[in-house]
Protein backbone atom coordinates (compact mmCIF):
# COMPACT_ATOMS: atom_id res chain seq x y z
CA MET A 1 74.92 148.31 107.00
CA ARG A 2 71.97 146.05 106.43
CA SER A 3 73.01 145.24 102.83
CA SER A 4 76.47 143.96 103.86
CA LEU A 5 75.16 141.70 106.63
CA PRO A 6 74.30 138.72 104.37
CA ALA A 7 77.82 138.80 102.84
CA PHE A 8 79.31 138.99 106.33
CA ARG A 9 77.29 135.98 107.45
CA ARG A 10 78.34 134.06 104.34
CA ASP A 11 82.00 134.78 105.13
CA ILE A 12 81.57 133.72 108.76
CA PHE A 13 79.85 130.52 107.63
CA ALA A 14 82.72 129.72 105.25
CA ILE A 15 85.30 130.31 107.99
CA LEU A 16 83.39 128.19 110.51
CA ALA A 17 82.92 125.39 107.97
CA GLY A 18 86.68 125.38 107.31
CA VAL A 19 87.42 125.26 111.04
CA PHE A 20 85.03 122.34 111.58
CA LEU A 21 86.45 120.42 108.62
CA PHE A 22 89.99 120.99 109.86
CA ALA A 23 89.03 119.88 113.38
CA ALA A 24 87.41 116.73 112.02
CA CYS A 25 90.63 115.63 110.34
CA ASP A 26 92.83 113.13 112.18
CA ARG A 27 95.89 115.32 112.58
CA GLY A 28 97.86 112.67 114.50
CA ALA A 29 97.71 110.08 111.73
CA GLU A 30 100.67 109.46 109.49
CA PRO A 31 100.08 110.57 105.93
CA THR A 32 99.55 107.65 103.65
CA ALA A 33 100.79 107.53 100.12
CA MET A 34 98.95 105.94 97.29
CA PRO A 35 100.39 102.49 96.68
CA ALA A 36 102.79 102.62 93.79
CA SER A 37 101.73 100.37 91.01
CA GLU A 38 104.59 98.11 90.16
CA PRO A 39 105.36 97.66 86.51
CA PRO A 40 104.64 94.19 85.26
CA ALA A 41 107.61 91.85 85.25
CA PRO A 42 109.12 91.53 81.81
CA ALA A 43 108.41 88.28 80.06
CA SER A 44 111.32 85.90 79.99
CA PRO A 45 112.90 85.62 76.57
CA PRO A 46 112.22 82.33 74.87
CA LYS A 47 114.83 79.63 75.24
CA LEU A 48 115.93 77.91 72.06
CA THR A 49 116.53 74.24 71.63
CA PRO A 50 119.75 73.23 69.82
CA ALA A 51 117.73 72.61 66.65
CA GLN A 52 116.06 76.03 66.87
CA LEU A 53 119.44 77.64 67.47
CA ALA A 54 120.94 75.96 64.40
CA GLU A 55 117.95 77.11 62.35
CA ALA A 56 118.30 80.67 63.65
CA ALA A 57 122.03 80.66 62.88
CA ALA A 58 121.23 79.89 59.27
CA GLN A 59 118.92 82.91 59.00
CA PRO A 60 120.12 86.47 58.40
CA GLY A 61 119.13 89.10 60.94
CA PHE A 62 120.44 87.51 64.14
CA PHE A 63 123.35 88.68 66.28
CA PHE A 64 124.86 85.98 68.45
CA LEU A 65 126.20 87.40 71.71
CA ASP A 66 128.14 85.36 74.25
CA VAL A 67 128.18 87.22 77.59
CA ARG A 68 130.23 84.64 79.46
CA SER A 69 133.70 85.33 80.80
CA PRO A 70 136.75 84.33 78.75
CA GLN A 71 137.44 81.61 81.33
CA GLU A 72 133.95 80.15 80.90
CA ILE A 73 134.41 80.10 77.14
CA ALA A 74 137.79 78.39 77.52
CA ASP A 75 136.27 75.80 79.87
CA LEU A 76 132.99 75.18 78.05
CA GLY A 77 133.57 76.33 74.47
CA THR A 78 131.36 78.44 72.24
CA LEU A 79 129.71 78.27 68.86
CA PRO A 80 131.06 79.74 65.64
CA GLY A 81 129.67 83.18 64.92
CA TYR A 82 129.13 84.24 68.53
CA VAL A 83 130.62 87.58 69.55
CA ASN A 84 132.01 87.57 73.08
CA ILE A 85 131.26 90.60 75.25
CA PRO A 86 131.57 89.55 78.91
CA ILE A 87 128.59 90.65 80.96
CA GLU A 88 130.84 92.89 83.10
CA GLU A 89 131.78 94.86 79.95
CA LEU A 90 128.39 94.88 78.27
CA GLU A 91 127.22 98.35 79.33
CA GLY A 92 130.38 99.97 77.96
CA ARG A 93 130.26 98.00 74.71
CA LEU A 94 126.59 98.29 73.74
CA GLY A 95 127.64 100.14 70.59
CA GLU A 96 129.04 96.86 69.25
CA ILE A 97 125.58 95.28 69.16
CA PRO A 98 123.71 96.03 65.94
CA PRO A 99 120.35 97.65 66.75
CA ASP A 100 118.65 96.24 63.65
CA ARG A 101 119.22 92.56 64.45
CA ALA A 102 117.63 90.18 66.96
CA VAL A 103 120.09 89.28 69.72
CA VAL A 104 120.60 85.65 70.72
CA THR A 105 122.63 85.33 73.93
CA ALA A 106 124.59 82.57 75.57
């Protein structure tokens, strides 16, 4: 009996320590979540001047995408070489945009 007494005391101590730690916790407080780190805002794409646009149009490797509605194009016009995919249809027509070319939008 004497040899098991130290182990018994150790077990009692562990139980009492757990009870005291539990009692010390603020059980009425709302759990708080770690603040979610927000991803950084994407950088705005550069805006081209008319001269830069004309220079880009002369270079291979660009895809010119006009996302305006047909009515906007009729009212305001467009540039030669632009492909019109209205913004409302863009998700369903992404396959029409070449993945290996830089996209210039209007």
